[in-house]
Amino acid sequence: MSKAFTKETDGADDDEELALPPLPTGGKNYITPAGFARLRSELLDLIDNERPKIVDIVHWAASNGDRSENGDYLYGKKRLREIDRRIRFLTKRLEIAEVVDPSVHFGSEQVFFGATVTYVDDEGVERAITIMGIDEADSHVAQVSWIAPVARALLKARVGEEVQLPTPGGVRNLEVLSVQYPLPVDSSK
């Protein structure tokens, strides 16, 4: 068969799916209501706004003739593949998402999904983290995934308890200082 009839790929198409955080085997894709809404909003924006714009650009660029040296066409096709890949990912993740409202634990002193936990380690360093879903956790704002080692160590602990966190440098002791949950939303309003 001639090379002209084989599908060419630059190999970069699968990079995003490989780099995304995997779900634990047999685990659930827990997510907060706000995180679910954010992912759903992104999906709808890609479908309703972003993708149609790029399709129009690709259509216009294709009508200009020679596609081999047409930057708008080549970039547009690449961007379209990226958008389609993100749409597939978001669709799959939202289908298996299990929305968990952390406000149901408001007032509790035990650590569950969605808690903001303040703890001190055995070196006296105090930290506060919020335990979030895999697809919504942002380390820049002290959010960690519920499957992160520190989150797993803290889950089910209570204020005043000490837990052990295995690290490459040895086991560290963490003492839970406080646990906070978001206020329940009054649905009657």
Protein backbone atom coordinates (compact mmCIF):
# COMPACT_ATOMS: atom_id res chain seq x y z
CA MET A 1 0.00 0.00 0.00
CA SER A 2 1.20 3.46 -0.82
CA LYS A 3 2.24 5.84 1.96
CA ALA A 4 -0.30 8.31 0.59
CA PHE A 5 -3.15 6.17 1.86
CA THR A 6 -1.97 5.67 5.43
CA LYS A 7 -3.15 7.77 8.33
CA GLU A 8 -0.47 10.13 9.52
CA THR A 9 -0.35 11.15 13.15
CA ASP A 10 2.08 13.33 14.99
CA GLY A 11 1.70 11.22 18.14
CA ALA A 12 0.71 14.26 20.20
CA ASP A 13 -3.00 13.48 20.01
CA ASP A 14 -2.92 11.07 22.95
CA ASP A 15 -0.61 13.11 25.19
CA GLU A 16 -3.41 14.88 27.04
CA GLU A 17 -5.32 11.72 27.89
CA LEU A 18 -2.13 10.05 29.15
CA ALA A 19 -1.20 13.05 31.32
CA LEU A 20 -4.57 13.30 33.06
CA PRO A 21 -4.93 11.89 36.55
CA PRO A 22 -6.16 8.32 36.45
CA LEU A 23 -8.97 7.10 38.64
CA PRO A 24 -8.01 4.50 41.22
CA THR A 25 -8.95 0.97 40.26
CA GLY A 26 -12.44 0.26 41.48
CA GLY A 27 -12.58 3.79 42.89
CA LYS A 28 -15.20 6.39 42.35
CA ASN A 29 -14.83 9.77 40.71
CA TYR A 30 -15.93 11.90 43.67
CA ILE A 31 -16.50 15.57 42.91
CA THR A 32 -18.06 18.51 44.72
CA PRO A 33 -21.20 20.15 43.31
CA ALA A 34 -19.17 23.26 42.42
CA GLY A 35 -16.52 21.16 40.66
CA PHE A 36 -19.19 19.26 38.72
CA ALA A 37 -20.81 22.55 37.66
CA ARG A 38 -17.42 23.93 36.57
CA LEU A 39 -16.61 20.87 34.42
CA ARG A 40 -20.12 20.81 32.95
CA SER A 41 -19.86 24.52 32.13
CA GLU A 42 -16.51 23.93 30.39
CA LEU A 43 -18.01 21.06 28.38
CA LEU A 44 -21.02 23.11 27.28
CA ASP A 45 -18.78 26.07 26.35
CA LEU A 46 -16.59 23.82 24.21
CA ILE A 47 -19.62 22.31 22.46
CA ASP A 48 -21.67 25.48 22.03
CA ASN A 49 -19.03 28.18 21.51
CA GLU A 50 -15.43 27.10 20.99
CA ARG A 51 -15.93 24.16 18.60
CA PRO A 52 -18.32 25.99 16.21
CA LYS A 53 -15.87 28.93 15.95
CA ILE A 54 -12.99 26.62 15.03
CA VAL A 55 -15.18 24.68 12.57
CA ASP A 56 -16.01 27.97 10.84
CA ILE A 57 -12.31 28.91 10.66
CA VAL A 58 -11.37 25.50 9.25
CA HIS A 59 -14.21 25.70 6.72
CA TRP A 60 -13.12 29.19 5.62
CA ALA A 61 -9.43 28.16 5.45
CA ALA A 62 -10.27 25.02 3.44
CA SER A 63 -12.12 27.14 0.89
CA ASN A 64 -8.93 29.15 0.26
CA GLY A 65 -7.35 26.33 -1.69
CA ASP A 66 -3.98 24.67 -1.00
CA ARG A 67 -4.29 23.18 2.48
CA SER A 68 -0.71 21.94 2.77
CA GLU A 69 0.68 25.42 3.43
CA ASN A 70 -2.44 26.98 4.92
CA GLY A 71 -1.62 27.86 8.54
CA ASP A 72 -5.22 28.66 9.47
CA TYR A 73 -6.35 25.29 8.18
CA LEU A 74 -3.54 23.29 9.81
CA TYR A 75 -3.79 25.08 13.15
CA GLY A 76 -7.60 24.89 13.06
CA LYS A 77 -7.58 21.12 12.46
CA LYS A 78 -5.09 20.65 15.29
CA ARG A 79 -7.17 22.83 17.63
CA LEU A 80 -10.32 20.93 16.61
CA ARG A 81 -8.66 17.62 17.58
CA GLU A 82 -7.69 19.12 20.96
CA ILE A 83 -11.24 20.34 21.58
CA ASP A 84 -12.75 16.99 20.58
CA ARG A 85 -10.32 15.16 22.87
CA ARG A 86 -11.24 17.44 25.80
CA ILE A 87 -14.96 16.99 25.06
CA ARG A 88 -14.54 13.20 25.12
CA PHE A 89 -12.61 13.37 28.39
CA LEU A 90 -15.12 15.68 30.10
CA THR A 91 -18.05 13.60 28.88
CA LYS A 92 -16.53 10.39 30.26
CA ARG A 93 -15.60 11.96 33.60
CA LEU A 94 -18.98 13.62 34.09
CA GLU A 95 -20.78 10.36 33.28
CA ILE A 96 -18.98 8.52 36.07
CA ALA A 97 -18.81 11.44 38.51
CA GLU A 98 -20.32 10.92 41.92
CA VAL A 99 -21.31 14.31 43.29
CA VAL A 100 -20.71 14.56 47.03
CA ASP A 101 -21.87 17.63 48.94
CA PRO A 102 -19.34 18.29 51.72
CA SER A 103 -21.73 20.66 53.52
CA VAL A 104 -23.66 17.65 54.89
CA HIS A 105 -20.76 17.24 57.34
CA PHE A 106 -20.91 20.88 58.50
CA GLY A 107 -20.01 21.03 62.19
CA SER A 108 -18.34 17.61 62.20
CA GLU A 109 -14.85 17.20 63.61
CA GLN A 110 -14.09 14.18 61.44
CA VAL A 111 -12.32 14.45 58.08
CA PHE A 112 -14.37 13.48 55.04
CA PHE A 113 -14.33 14.41 51.36
CA GLY A 114 -14.59 18.19 50.91
CA ALA A 115 -13.11 19.08 54.30
CA THR A 116 -10.64 21.88 54.84
CA VAL A 117 -8.16 20.39 57.28
CA THR A 118 -5.58 22.28 59.29
CA TYR A 119 -2.80 20.06 60.58
CA VAL A 120 0.67 20.35 62.01
CA ASP A 121 3.48 17.95 61.13
CA ASP A 122 6.18 16.58 63.45
CA GLU A 123 8.48 19.50 62.50
CA GLY A 124 5.94 22.04 63.74
CA VAL A 125 4.89 23.23 60.26
CA GLU A 126 1.18 24.06 60.11
CA ARG A 127 -0.73 23.62 56.85
CA ALA A 128 -4.32 23.83 55.70
CA ILE A 129 -5.60 21.81 52.74
CA THR A 130 -8.98 21.11 51.19
CA ILE A 131 -9.69 17.55 50.06
CA MET A 132 -11.29 17.68 46.59
CA GLY A 133 -12.02 15.50 43.57
CA ILE A 134 -9.34 14.32 41.17
CA ASP A 135 -10.56 16.55 38.34
CA GLU A 136 -11.05 19.69 40.42
CA ALA A 137 -8.14 19.83 42.89
CA ASP A 138 -5.78 22.77 42.39
CA SER A 139 -2.52 22.64 44.34
CA HIS A 140 -2.00 26.39 43.83
CA VAL A 141 -4.87 27.07 46.24
CA ALA A 142 -4.05 24.28 48.75
CA GLN A 143 -6.49 21.75 47.30
CA VAL A 144 -5.45 18.11 47.13
CA SER A 145 -7.10 15.15 45.46
CA TRP A 146 -8.80 12.68 47.77
CA ILE A 147 -6.41 10.00 46.46
CA ALA A 148 -3.29 11.99 47.42
CA PRO A 149 -1.25 10.34 50.19
CA VAL A 150 -1.78 13.21 52.63
CA ALA A 151 -5.54 13.14 52.02
CA ARG A 152 -5.70 9.38 52.46
CA ALA A 153 -3.80 9.67 55.72
CA LEU A 154 -6.15 12.37 57.02
CA LEU A 155 -9.49 10.88 55.91
CA LYS A 156 -11.62 9.64 58.84
CA ALA A 157 -9.29 11.27 61.41
CA ARG A 158 -10.78 13.58 64.04
CA VAL A 159 -9.61 16.85 65.56
CA GLY A 160 -6.81 16.13 68.02
CA GLU A 161 -5.88 12.77 66.48
CA GLU A 162 -2.46 12.03 65.11
CA VAL A 163 -2.06 10.13 61.83
CA GLN A 164 0.96 8.73 60.07
CA LEU A 165 1.91 9.78 56.55
CA PRO A 166 4.37 7.46 54.78
CA THR A 167 6.82 9.48 52.65
CA PRO A 168 9.98 8.55 50.73
CA GLY A 169 11.98 10.15 53.58
CA GLY A 170 10.21 8.13 56.26
CA VAL A 171 6.98 8.22 58.19
CA ARG A 172 5.74 11.66 59.29
CA ASN A 173 3.24 12.30 62.03
CA LEU A 174 0.42 14.76 61.38
CA GLU A 175 -1.86 16.12 64.09
CA VAL A 176 -5.31 17.33 63.01
CA LEU A 177 -5.91 20.80 64.46
CA SER A 178 -9.24 21.72 62.86
CA VAL A 179 -11.76 20.50 60.30
CA GLN A 180 -14.12 22.81 58.44
CA TYR A 181 -16.85 22.25 55.88
CA PRO A 182 -18.75 24.73 53.71
CA LEU A 183 -22.05 26.05 55.06
CA PRO A 184 -25.10 24.10 53.92
CA VAL A 185 -27.01 25.87 51.16
CA ASP A 186 -30.58 26.65 52.11
CA SER A 187 -32.61 25.13 49.25
CA SER A 188 -35.87 26.78 50.38
CA LYS A 189 -34.77 30.19 49.07
